[in-house]
Amino acid sequence: MRQVTTSAPAGGSVMAAKTAHDAAVRVTGHVRWFSHKGFGYLATDGGRDVYVHHSAIAGSGFRSLPTDARVSFAVVQTRRGPEAADVRLIDGS
């Protein structure tokens, strides 16, 4: 699991480590594309593209996502930019 470090308010000196899921915002969107190599991009309902790796998809073993499927996911900030976490298909997709 990725670690996200957040700083204390101005004037504070304490650093707190949180898991990426604790600092994440949950959104809905659709699968823009997903490669057979295990990565791709999701589009939020607001139009923002977010990178996704197969390990971020709920389930076990190798996971995949069909193009245009509706999904819900957490967006976490990493040093490389926003990434999807805890990706789940929305029923009816």
PDB file of N, CA and C in Angstrom:
ATOM      1  N   MET A   1       0.841  -1.163   0.000  1.00  0.00           N
ATOM      2  CA  MET A   1       0.000   0.000   0.000  1.00  0.00           C
ATOM      3  C   MET A   1       0.892   1.234   0.000  1.00  0.00           C
ATOM      4  N   ARG A   2       0.555   2.223  -0.774  1.00  0.00           N
ATOM      5  CA  ARG A   2       1.342   3.446  -0.847  1.00  0.00           C
ATOM      6  C   ARG A   2       1.139   4.269   0.421  1.00  0.00           C
ATOM      7  N   GLN A   3       2.151   4.997   0.809  1.00  0.00           N
ATOM      8  CA  GLN A   3       2.075   5.886   1.963  1.00  0.00           C
ATOM      9  C   GLN A   3       2.039   7.320   1.463  1.00  0.00           C
ATOM     10  N   VAL A   4       1.181   8.123   2.073  1.00  0.00           N
ATOM     11  CA  VAL A   4       1.095   9.536   1.760  1.00  0.00           C
ATOM     12  C   VAL A   4       1.446  10.286   3.034  1.00  0.00           C
ATOM     13  N   THR A   5       2.360  11.219   2.962  1.00  0.00           N
ATOM     14  CA  THR A   5       2.759  11.979   4.139  1.00  0.00           C
ATOM     15  C   THR A   5       2.143  13.360   4.072  1.00  0.00           C
ATOM     16  N   THR A   6       1.510  13.765   5.156  1.00  0.00           N
ATOM     17  CA  THR A   6       0.909  15.092   5.213  1.00  0.00           C
ATOM     18  C   THR A   6       1.569  15.872   6.329  1.00  0.00           C
ATOM     19  N   SER A   7       1.676  17.179   6.177  1.00  0.00           N
ATOM     20  CA  SER A   7       2.315  17.996   7.205  1.00  0.00           C
ATOM     21  C   SER A   7       1.264  18.587   8.131  1.00  0.00           C
ATOM     22  N   ALA A   8       1.719  18.998   9.289  1.00  0.00           N
ATOM     23  CA  ALA A   8       0.854  19.628  10.282  1.00  0.00           C
ATOM     24  C   ALA A   8       0.510  21.038   9.815  1.00  0.00           C
ATOM     25  N   PRO A   9      -0.503  21.652  10.415  1.00  0.00           N
ATOM     26  CA  PRO A   9      -0.851  23.032  10.065  1.00  0.00           C
ATOM     27  C   PRO A   9       0.338  23.971  10.257  1.00  0.00           C
ATOM     28  N   ALA A  10       0.262  25.149   9.670  1.00  0.00           N
ATOM     29  CA  ALA A  10       1.349  26.134   9.751  1.00  0.00           C
ATOM     30  C   ALA A  10       1.797  26.299  11.196  1.00  0.00           C
ATOM     31  N   GLY A  11       3.088  26.291  11.398  1.00  0.00           N
ATOM     32  CA  GLY A  11       3.631  26.448  12.734  1.00  0.00           C
ATOM     33  C   GLY A  11       3.840  25.130  13.459  1.00  0.00           C
ATOM     34  N   GLY A  12       3.261  24.051  12.951  1.00  0.00           N
ATOM     35  CA  GLY A  12       3.415  22.746  13.577  1.00  0.00           C
ATOM     36  C   GLY A  12       4.643  22.045  13.059  1.00  0.00           C
ATOM     37  N   SER A  13       5.140  21.095  13.818  1.00  0.00           N
ATOM     38  CA  SER A  13       6.332  20.388  13.388  1.00  0.00           C
ATOM     39  C   SER A  13       6.104  18.889  13.277  1.00  0.00           C
ATOM     40  N   VAL A  14       4.901  18.442  13.528  1.00  0.00           N
ATOM     41  CA  VAL A  14       4.596  17.015  13.515  1.00  0.00           C
ATOM     42  C   VAL A  14       4.226  16.582  12.108  1.00  0.00           C
ATOM     43  N   MET A  15       4.833  15.479  11.645  1.00  0.00           N
ATOM     44  CA  MET A  15       4.480  14.894  10.351  1.00  0.00           C
ATOM     45  C   MET A  15       3.679  13.629  10.624  1.00  0.00           C
ATOM     46  N   ALA A  16       2.573  13.449   9.931  1.00  0.00           N
ATOM     47  CA  ALA A  16       1.730  12.271  10.133  1.00  0.00           C
ATOM     48  C   ALA A  16       1.702  11.457   8.855  1.00  0.00           C
ATOM     49  N   ALA A  17       1.937  10.169   8.973  1.00  0.00           N
ATOM     50  CA  ALA A  17       1.860   9.287   7.813  1.00  0.00           C
ATOM     51  C   ALA A  17       0.477   8.655   7.774  1.00  0.00           C
ATOM     52  N   LYS A  18      -0.161   8.708   6.631  1.00  0.00           N
ATOM     53  CA  LYS A  18      -1.472   8.100   6.449  1.00  0.00           C
ATOM     54  C   LYS A  18      -1.391   7.143   5.274  1.00  0.00           C
ATOM     55  N   THR A  19      -2.275   6.172   5.250  1.00  0.00           N
ATOM     56  CA  THR A  19      -2.343   5.332   4.065  1.00  0.00           C
ATOM     57  C   THR A  19      -2.977   6.146   2.961  1.00  0.00           C
ATOM     58  N   ALA A  20      -2.726   5.772   1.724  1.00  0.00           N
ATOM     59  CA  ALA A  20      -3.275   6.495   0.578  1.00  0.00           C
ATOM     60  C   ALA A  20      -4.791   6.517   0.622  1.00  0.00           C
ATOM     61  N   HIS A  21      -5.414   5.447   1.114  1.00  0.00           N
ATOM     62  CA  HIS A  21      -6.875   5.388   1.148  1.00  0.00           C
ATOM     63  C   HIS A  21      -7.456   6.384   2.146  1.00  0.00           C
ATOM     64  N   ASP A  22      -6.727   6.710   3.221  1.00  0.00           N
ATOM     65  CA  ASP A  22      -7.207   7.669   4.207  1.00  0.00           C
ATOM     66  C   ASP A  22      -7.256   9.080   3.628  1.00  0.00           C
ATOM     67  N   ALA A  23      -6.331   9.403   2.737  1.00  0.00           N
ATOM     68  CA  ALA A  23      -6.241  10.746   2.176  1.00  0.00           C
ATOM     69  C   ALA A  23      -6.974  10.864   0.842  1.00  0.00           C
ATOM     70  N   ALA A  24      -7.641   9.815   0.408  1.00  0.00           N
ATOM     71  CA  ALA A  24      -8.230   9.769  -0.923  1.00  0.00           C
ATOM     72  C   ALA A  24      -9.639  10.349  -0.958  1.00  0.00           C
ATOM     73  N   VAL A  25     -10.024  10.789  -2.151  1.00  0.00           N
ATOM     74  CA  VAL A  25     -11.372  11.254  -2.418  1.00  0.00           C
ATOM     75  C   VAL A  25     -12.008  10.234  -3.353  1.00  0.00           C
ATOM     76  N   ARG A  26     -13.194   9.723  -3.000  1.00  0.00           N
ATOM     77  CA  ARG A  26     -13.868   8.712  -3.819  1.00  0.00           C
ATOM     78  C   ARG A  26     -14.722   9.401  -4.882  1.00  0.00           C
ATOM     79  N   VAL A  27     -14.611   8.922  -6.147  1.00  0.00           N
ATOM     80  CA  VAL A  27     -15.347   9.508  -7.273  1.00  0.00           C
ATOM     81  C   VAL A  27     -15.897   8.396  -8.161  1.00  0.00           C
ATOM     82  N   THR A  28     -16.707   8.783  -9.135  1.00  0.00           N
ATOM     83  CA  THR A  28     -17.196   7.837 -10.142  1.00  0.00           C
ATOM     84  C   THR A  28     -16.740   8.311 -11.509  1.00  0.00           C
ATOM     85  N   GLY A  29     -16.752   7.400 -12.456  1.00  0.00           N
ATOM     86  CA  GLY A  29     -16.346   7.728 -13.817  1.00  0.00           C
ATOM     87  C   GLY A  29     -16.466   6.502 -14.702  1.00  0.00           C
ATOM     88  N   HIS A  30     -15.656   6.466 -15.757  1.00  0.00           N
ATOM     89  CA  HIS A  30     -15.675   5.320 -16.673  1.00  0.00           C
ATOM     90  C   HIS A  30     -14.250   4.977 -17.108  1.00  0.00           C
ATOM     91  N   VAL A  31     -14.109   3.776 -17.640  1.00  0.00           N
ATOM     92  CA  VAL A  31     -12.805   3.315 -18.118  1.00  0.00           C
ATOM     93  C   VAL A  31     -12.559   3.931 -19.488  1.00  0.00           C
ATOM     94  N   ARG A  32     -11.524   4.744 -19.594  1.00  0.00           N
ATOM     95  CA  ARG A  32     -11.177   5.331 -20.895  1.00  0.00           C
ATOM     96  C   ARG A  32     -10.522   4.250 -21.755  1.00  0.00           C
ATOM     97  N   TRP A  33      -9.504   3.582 -21.211  1.00  0.00           N
ATOM     98  CA  TRP A  33      -8.896   2.418 -21.865  1.00  0.00           C
ATOM     99  C   TRP A  33      -8.107   1.645 -20.824  1.00  0.00           C
ATOM    100  N   PHE A  34      -7.923   0.356 -21.090  1.00  0.00           N
ATOM    101  CA  PHE A  34      -7.164  -0.498 -20.185  1.00  0.00           C
ATOM    102  C   PHE A  34      -6.423  -1.525 -21.023  1.00  0.00           C
ATOM    103  N   SER A  35      -5.103  -1.557 -20.883  1.00  0.00           N
ATOM    104  CA  SER A  35      -4.237  -2.415 -21.677  1.00  0.00           C
ATOM    105  C   SER A  35      -4.202  -3.846 -21.140  1.00  0.00           C
ATOM    106  N   HIS A  36      -3.937  -4.793 -22.029  1.00  0.00           N
ATOM    107  CA  HIS A  36      -3.740  -6.185 -21.612  1.00  0.00           C
ATOM    108  C   HIS A  36      -2.480  -6.321 -20.756  1.00  0.00           C
ATOM    109  N   LYS A  37      -1.656  -5.278 -20.732  1.00  0.00           N
ATOM    110  CA  LYS A  37      -0.437  -5.280 -19.906  1.00  0.00           C
ATOM    111  C   LYS A  37      -0.729  -4.920 -18.452  1.00  0.00           C
ATOM    112  N   GLY A  38      -1.972  -4.520 -18.150  1.00  0.00           N
ATOM    113  CA  GLY A  38      -2.363  -4.285 -16.764  1.00  0.00           C
ATOM    114  C   GLY A  38      -2.401  -2.850 -16.288  1.00  0.00           C
ATOM    115  N   PHE A  39      -2.518  -1.895 -17.195  1.00  0.00           N
ATOM    116  CA  PHE A  39      -2.635  -0.505 -16.787  1.00  0.00           C
ATOM    117  C   PHE A  39      -3.481   0.248 -17.795  1.00  0.00           C
ATOM    118  N   GLY A  40      -3.939   1.431 -17.402  1.00  0.00           N
ATOM    119  CA  GLY A  40      -4.739   2.244 -18.299  1.00  0.00           C
ATOM    120  C   GLY A  40      -5.139   3.543 -17.632  1.00  0.00           C
ATOM    121  N   TYR A  41      -6.233   4.128 -18.131  1.00  0.00           N
ATOM    122  CA  TYR A  41      -6.718   5.393 -17.599  1.00  0.00           C
ATOM    123  C   TYR A  41      -8.216   5.346 -17.397  1.00  0.00           C
ATOM    124  N   LEU A  42      -8.646   5.960 -16.290  1.00  0.00           N
ATOM    125  CA  LEU A  42     -10.055   6.146 -15.990  1.00  0.00           C
ATOM    126  C   LEU A  42     -10.353   7.623 -16.171  1.00  0.00           C
ATOM    127  N   ALA A  43     -11.575   7.958 -16.538  1.00  0.00           N
ATOM    128  CA  ALA A  43     -11.997   9.355 -16.631  1.00  0.00           C
ATOM    129  C   ALA A  43     -13.034   9.601 -15.545  1.00  0.00           C
ATOM    130  N   THR A  44     -12.816  10.624 -14.736  1.00  0.00           N
ATOM    131  CA  THR A  44     -13.814  10.970 -13.727  1.00  0.00           C
ATOM    132  C   THR A  44     -15.021  11.578 -14.427  1.00  0.00           C
ATOM    133  N   ASP A  45     -16.144  11.638 -13.726  1.00  0.00           N
ATOM    134  CA  ASP A  45     -17.324  12.280 -14.304  1.00  0.00           C
ATOM    135  C   ASP A  45     -17.062  13.751 -14.590  1.00  0.00           C
ATOM    136  N   GLY A  46     -16.062  14.328 -13.935  1.00  0.00           N
ATOM    137  CA  GLY A  46     -15.669  15.712 -14.180  1.00  0.00           C
ATOM    138  C   GLY A  46     -14.721  15.873 -15.366  1.00  0.00           C
ATOM    139  N   GLY A  47     -14.307  14.748 -15.982  1.00  0.00           N
ATOM    140  CA  GLY A  47     -13.463  14.803 -17.167  1.00  0.00           C
ATOM    141  C   GLY A  47     -11.971  14.647 -16.928  1.00  0.00           C
ATOM    142  N   ARG A  48     -11.543  14.481 -15.694  1.00  0.00           N
ATOM    143  CA  ARG A  48     -10.113  14.344 -15.369  1.00  0.00           C
ATOM    144  C   ARG A  48      -9.658  12.899 -15.591  1.00  0.00           C
ATOM    145  N   ASP A  49      -8.527  12.713 -16.273  1.00  0.00           N
ATOM    146  CA  ASP A  49      -7.955  11.375 -16.477  1.00  0.00           C
ATOM    147  C   ASP A  49      -7.109  10.981 -15.276  1.00  0.00           C
ATOM    148  N   VAL A  50      -7.245   9.718 -14.864  1.00  0.00           N
ATOM    149  CA  VAL A  50      -6.508   9.209 -13.710  1.00  0.00           C
ATOM    150  C   VAL A  50      -5.893   7.864 -14.092  1.00  0.00           C
ATOM    151  N   TYR A  51      -4.600   7.697 -13.846  1.00  0.00           N
ATOM    152  CA  TYR A  51      -3.887   6.452 -14.135  1.00  0.00           C
ATOM    153  C   TYR A  51      -4.421   5.335 -13.240  1.00  0.00           C
ATOM    154  N   VAL A  52      -4.510   4.109 -13.797  1.00  0.00           N
ATOM    155  CA  VAL A  52      -4.912   2.948 -12.997  1.00  0.00           C
ATOM    156  C   VAL A  52      -4.007   1.761 -13.326  1.00  0.00           C
ATOM    157  N   HIS A  53      -3.589   1.047 -12.278  1.00  0.00           N
ATOM    158  CA  HIS A  53      -2.803  -0.180 -12.412  1.00  0.00           C
ATOM    159  C   HIS A  53      -3.697  -1.334 -11.985  1.00  0.00           C
ATOM    160  N   HIS A  54      -3.491  -2.514 -12.575  1.00  0.00           N
ATOM    161  CA  HIS A  54      -4.388  -3.638 -12.271  1.00  0.00           C
ATOM    162  C   HIS A  54      -4.411  -3.982 -10.787  1.00  0.00           C
ATOM    163  N   SER A  55      -3.353  -3.690 -10.054  1.00  0.00           N
ATOM    164  CA  SER A  55      -3.329  -3.989  -8.621  1.00  0.00           C
ATOM    165  C   SER A  55      -4.279  -3.084  -7.825  1.00  0.00           C
ATOM    166  N   ALA A  56      -4.754  -1.988  -8.425  1.00  0.00           N
ATOM    167  CA  ALA A  56      -5.685  -1.077  -7.753  1.00  0.00           C
ATOM    168  C   ALA A  56      -7.138  -1.503  -7.909  1.00  0.00           C
ATOM    169  N   ILE A  57      -7.382  -2.551  -8.706  1.00  0.00           N
ATOM    170  CA  ILE A  57      -8.746  -3.028  -8.948  1.00  0.00           C
ATOM    171  C   ILE A  57      -9.110  -4.034  -7.857  1.00  0.00           C
ATOM    172  N   ALA A  58     -10.279  -3.858  -7.249  1.00  0.00           N
ATOM    173  CA  ALA A  58     -10.733  -4.764  -6.189  1.00  0.00           C
ATOM    174  C   ALA A  58     -10.849  -6.180  -6.747  1.00  0.00           C
ATOM    175  N   GLY A  59     -10.382  -7.165  -5.993  1.00  0.00           N
ATOM    176  CA  GLY A  59     -10.431  -8.561  -6.420  1.00  0.00           C
ATOM    177  C   GLY A  59      -9.093  -9.226  -6.200  1.00  0.00           C
ATOM    178  N   SER A  60      -8.953 -10.424  -6.734  1.00  0.00           N
ATOM    179  CA  SER A  60      -7.694 -11.141  -6.574  1.00  0.00           C
ATOM    180  C   SER A  60      -7.205 -11.628  -7.931  1.00  0.00           C
ATOM    181  N   GLY A  61      -5.927 -11.962  -8.018  1.00  0.00           N
ATOM    182  CA  GLY A  61      -5.340 -12.392  -9.280  1.00  0.00           C
ATOM    183  C   GLY A  61      -5.191 -11.223 -10.231  1.00  0.00           C
ATOM    184  N   PHE A  62      -4.959 -11.517 -11.500  1.00  0.00           N
ATOM    185  CA  PHE A  62      -4.847 -10.452 -12.505  1.00  0.00           C
ATOM    186  C   PHE A  62      -6.240  -9.904 -12.790  1.00  0.00           C
ATOM    187  N   ARG A  63      -6.401  -8.596 -12.739  1.00  0.00           N
ATOM    188  CA  ARG A  63      -7.700  -7.964 -12.947  1.00  0.00           C
ATOM    189  C   ARG A  63      -7.655  -7.082 -14.177  1.00  0.00           C
ATOM    190  N   SER A  64      -8.796  -6.924 -14.808  1.00  0.00           N
ATOM    191  CA  SER A  64      -8.901  -6.127 -16.012  1.00  0.00           C
ATOM    192  C   SER A  64     -10.179  -5.301 -15.954  1.00  0.00           C
ATOM    193  N   LEU A  65     -10.269  -4.285 -16.820  1.00  0.00           N
ATOM    194  CA  LEU A  65     -11.455  -3.438 -16.894  1.00  0.00           C
ATOM    195  C   LEU A  65     -11.891  -3.272 -18.342  1.00  0.00           C
ATOM    196  N   PRO A  66     -13.179  -3.490 -18.629  1.00  0.00           N
ATOM    197  CA  PRO A  66     -13.655  -3.277 -19.998  1.00  0.00           C
ATOM    198  C   PRO A  66     -13.786  -1.780 -20.312  1.00  0.00           C
ATOM    199  N   THR A  67     -13.436  -1.401 -21.523  1.00  0.00           N
ATOM    200  CA  THR A  67     -13.548  -0.012 -21.964  1.00  0.00           C
ATOM    201  C   THR A  67     -14.978   0.479 -21.791  1.00  0.00           C
ATOM    202  N   ASP A  68     -15.123   1.710 -21.311  1.00  0.00           N
ATOM    203  CA  ASP A  68     -16.397   2.408 -21.089  1.00  0.00           C
ATOM    204  C   ASP A  68     -17.216   1.892 -19.908  1.00  0.00           C
ATOM    205  N   ALA A  69     -16.707   0.915 -19.148  1.00  0.00           N
ATOM    206  CA  ALA A  69     -17.436   0.429 -17.970  1.00  0.00           C
ATOM    207  C   ALA A  69     -17.499   1.536 -16.917  1.00  0.00           C
ATOM    208  N   ARG A  70     -18.615   1.624 -16.190  1.00  0.00           N
ATOM    209  CA  ARG A  70     -18.766   2.580 -15.092  1.00  0.00           C
ATOM    210  C   ARG A  70     -18.033   2.034 -13.869  1.00  0.00           C
ATOM    211  N   VAL A  71     -17.280   2.897 -13.205  1.00  0.00           N
ATOM    212  CA  VAL A  71     -16.499   2.498 -12.036  1.00  0.00           C
ATOM    213  C   VAL A  71     -16.576   3.556 -10.943  1.00  0.00           C
ATOM    214  N   SER A  72     -16.324   3.117  -9.715  1.00  0.00           N
ATOM    215  CA  SER A  72     -16.109   4.051  -8.611  1.00  0.00           C
ATOM    216  C   SER A  72     -14.691   3.773  -8.123  1.00  0.00           C
ATOM    217  N   PHE A  73     -14.014   4.808  -7.679  1.00  0.00           N
ATOM    218  CA  PHE A  73     -12.624   4.642  -7.269  1.00  0.00           C
ATOM    219  C   PHE A  73     -12.183   5.808  -6.404  1.00  0.00           C
ATOM    220  N   ALA A  74     -11.107   5.576  -5.678  1.00  0.00           N
ATOM    221  CA  ALA A  74     -10.482   6.628  -4.884  1.00  0.00           C
ATOM    222  C   ALA A  74      -9.367   7.231  -5.716  1.00  0.00           C
ATOM    223  N   VAL A  75      -9.199   8.534  -5.628  1.00  0.00           N
ATOM    224  CA  VAL A  75      -8.095   9.219  -6.304  1.00  0.00           C
ATOM    225  C   VAL A  75      -7.075   9.593  -5.238  1.00  0.00           C
ATOM    226  N   VAL A  76      -5.855   9.082  -5.392  1.00  0.00           N
ATOM    227  CA  VAL A  76      -4.779   9.395  -4.449  1.00  0.00           C
ATOM    228  C   VAL A  76      -3.671  10.137  -5.178  1.00  0.00           C
ATOM    229  N   GLN A  77      -3.070  11.096  -4.500  1.00  0.00           N
ATOM    230  CA  GLN A  77      -1.947  11.840  -5.079  1.00  0.00           C
ATOM    231  C   GLN A  77      -0.668  11.079  -4.774  1.00  0.00           C
ATOM    232  N   THR A  78       0.095  10.788  -5.807  1.00  0.00           N
ATOM    233  CA  THR A  78       1.396  10.165  -5.633  1.00  0.00           C
ATOM    234  C   THR A  78       2.446  11.121  -6.177  1.00  0.00           C
ATOM    235  N   ARG A  79       3.698  10.785  -6.022  1.00  0.00           N
ATOM    236  CA  ARG A  79       4.745  11.672  -6.544  1.00  0.00           C
ATOM    237  C   ARG A  79       4.691  11.774  -8.062  1.00  0.00           C
ATOM    238  N   ARG A  80       4.038  10.807  -8.708  1.00  0.00           N
ATOM    239  CA  ARG A  80       3.900  10.829 -10.172  1.00  0.00           C
ATOM    240  C   ARG A  80       2.603  11.480 -10.624  1.00  0.00           C
ATOM    241  N   GLY A  81       1.747  11.856  -9.690  1.00  0.00           N
ATOM    242  CA  GLY A  81       0.476  12.468 -10.030  1.00  0.00           C
ATOM    243  C   GLY A  81      -0.683  11.640  -9.506  1.00  0.00           C
ATOM    244  N   PRO A  82      -1.916  11.968  -9.920  1.00  0.00           N
ATOM    245  CA  PRO A  82      -3.081  11.257  -9.407  1.00  0.00           C
ATOM    246  C   PRO A  82      -3.148   9.816  -9.926  1.00  0.00           C
ATOM    247  N   GLU A  83      -3.507   8.893  -9.033  1.00  0.00           N
ATOM    248  CA  GLU A  83      -3.687   7.488  -9.395  1.00  0.00           C
ATOM    249  C   GLU A  83      -4.976   6.976  -8.770  1.00  0.00           C
ATOM    250  N   ALA A  84      -5.571   5.988  -9.421  1.00  0.00           N
ATOM    251  CA  ALA A  84      -6.786   5.365  -8.909  1.00  0.00           C
ATOM    252  C   ALA A  84      -6.418   4.281  -7.899  1.00  0.00           C
ATOM    253  N   ALA A  85      -7.260   4.121  -6.886  1.00  0.00           N
ATOM    254  CA  ALA A  85      -7.103   3.069  -5.879  1.00  0.00           C
ATOM    255  C   ALA A  85      -8.490   2.510  -5.579  1.00  0.00           C
ATOM    256  N   ASP A  86      -8.543   1.265  -5.132  1.00  0.00           N
ATOM    257  CA  ASP A  86      -9.800   0.621  -4.747  1.00  0.00           C
ATOM    258  C   ASP A  86     -10.868   0.784  -5.836  1.00  0.00           C
ATOM    259  N   VAL A  87     -10.515   0.401  -7.060  1.00  0.00           N
ATOM    260  CA  VAL A  87     -11.411   0.532  -8.215  1.00  0.00           C
ATOM    261  C   VAL A  87     -12.459  -0.580  -8.176  1.00  0.00           C
ATOM    262  N   ARG A  88     -13.723  -0.197  -8.324  1.00  0.00           N
ATOM    263  CA  ARG A  88     -14.830  -1.161  -8.310  1.00  0.00           C
ATOM    264  C   ARG A  88     -15.794  -0.861  -9.451  1.00  0.00           C
ATOM    265  N   LEU A  89     -16.212  -1.945 -10.136  1.00  0.00           N
ATOM    266  CA  LEU A  89     -17.214  -1.795 -11.185  1.00  0.00           C
ATOM    267  C   LEU A  89     -18.553  -1.426 -10.545  1.00  0.00           C
ATOM    268  N   ILE A  90     -19.292  -0.543 -11.185  1.00  0.00           N
ATOM    269  CA  ILE A  90     -20.626  -0.188 -10.729  1.00  0.00           C
ATOM    270  C   ILE A  90     -21.598  -1.141 -11.399  1.00  0.00           C
ATOM    271  N   ASP A  91     -22.529  -1.714 -10.619  1.00  0.00           N
ATOM    272  CA  ASP A  91     -23.500  -2.668 -11.162  1.00  0.00           C
ATOM    273  C   ASP A  91     -24.190  -2.090 -12.393  1.00  0.00           C
ATOM    274  N   GLY A  92     -24.390  -2.945 -13.379  1.00  0.00           N
ATOM    275  CA  GLY A  92     -25.034  -2.521 -14.604  1.00  0.00           C
ATOM    276  C   GLY A  92     -24.065  -2.143 -15.701  1.00  0.00           C
ATOM    277  N   SER A  93     -22.771  -2.207 -15.414  1.00  0.00           N
ATOM    278  CA  SER A  93     -21.756  -1.851 -16.422  1.00  0.00           C
ATOM    279  C   SER A  93     -21.516  -3.004 -17.359  1.00  0.00           C
TER     280      SER A  93
END
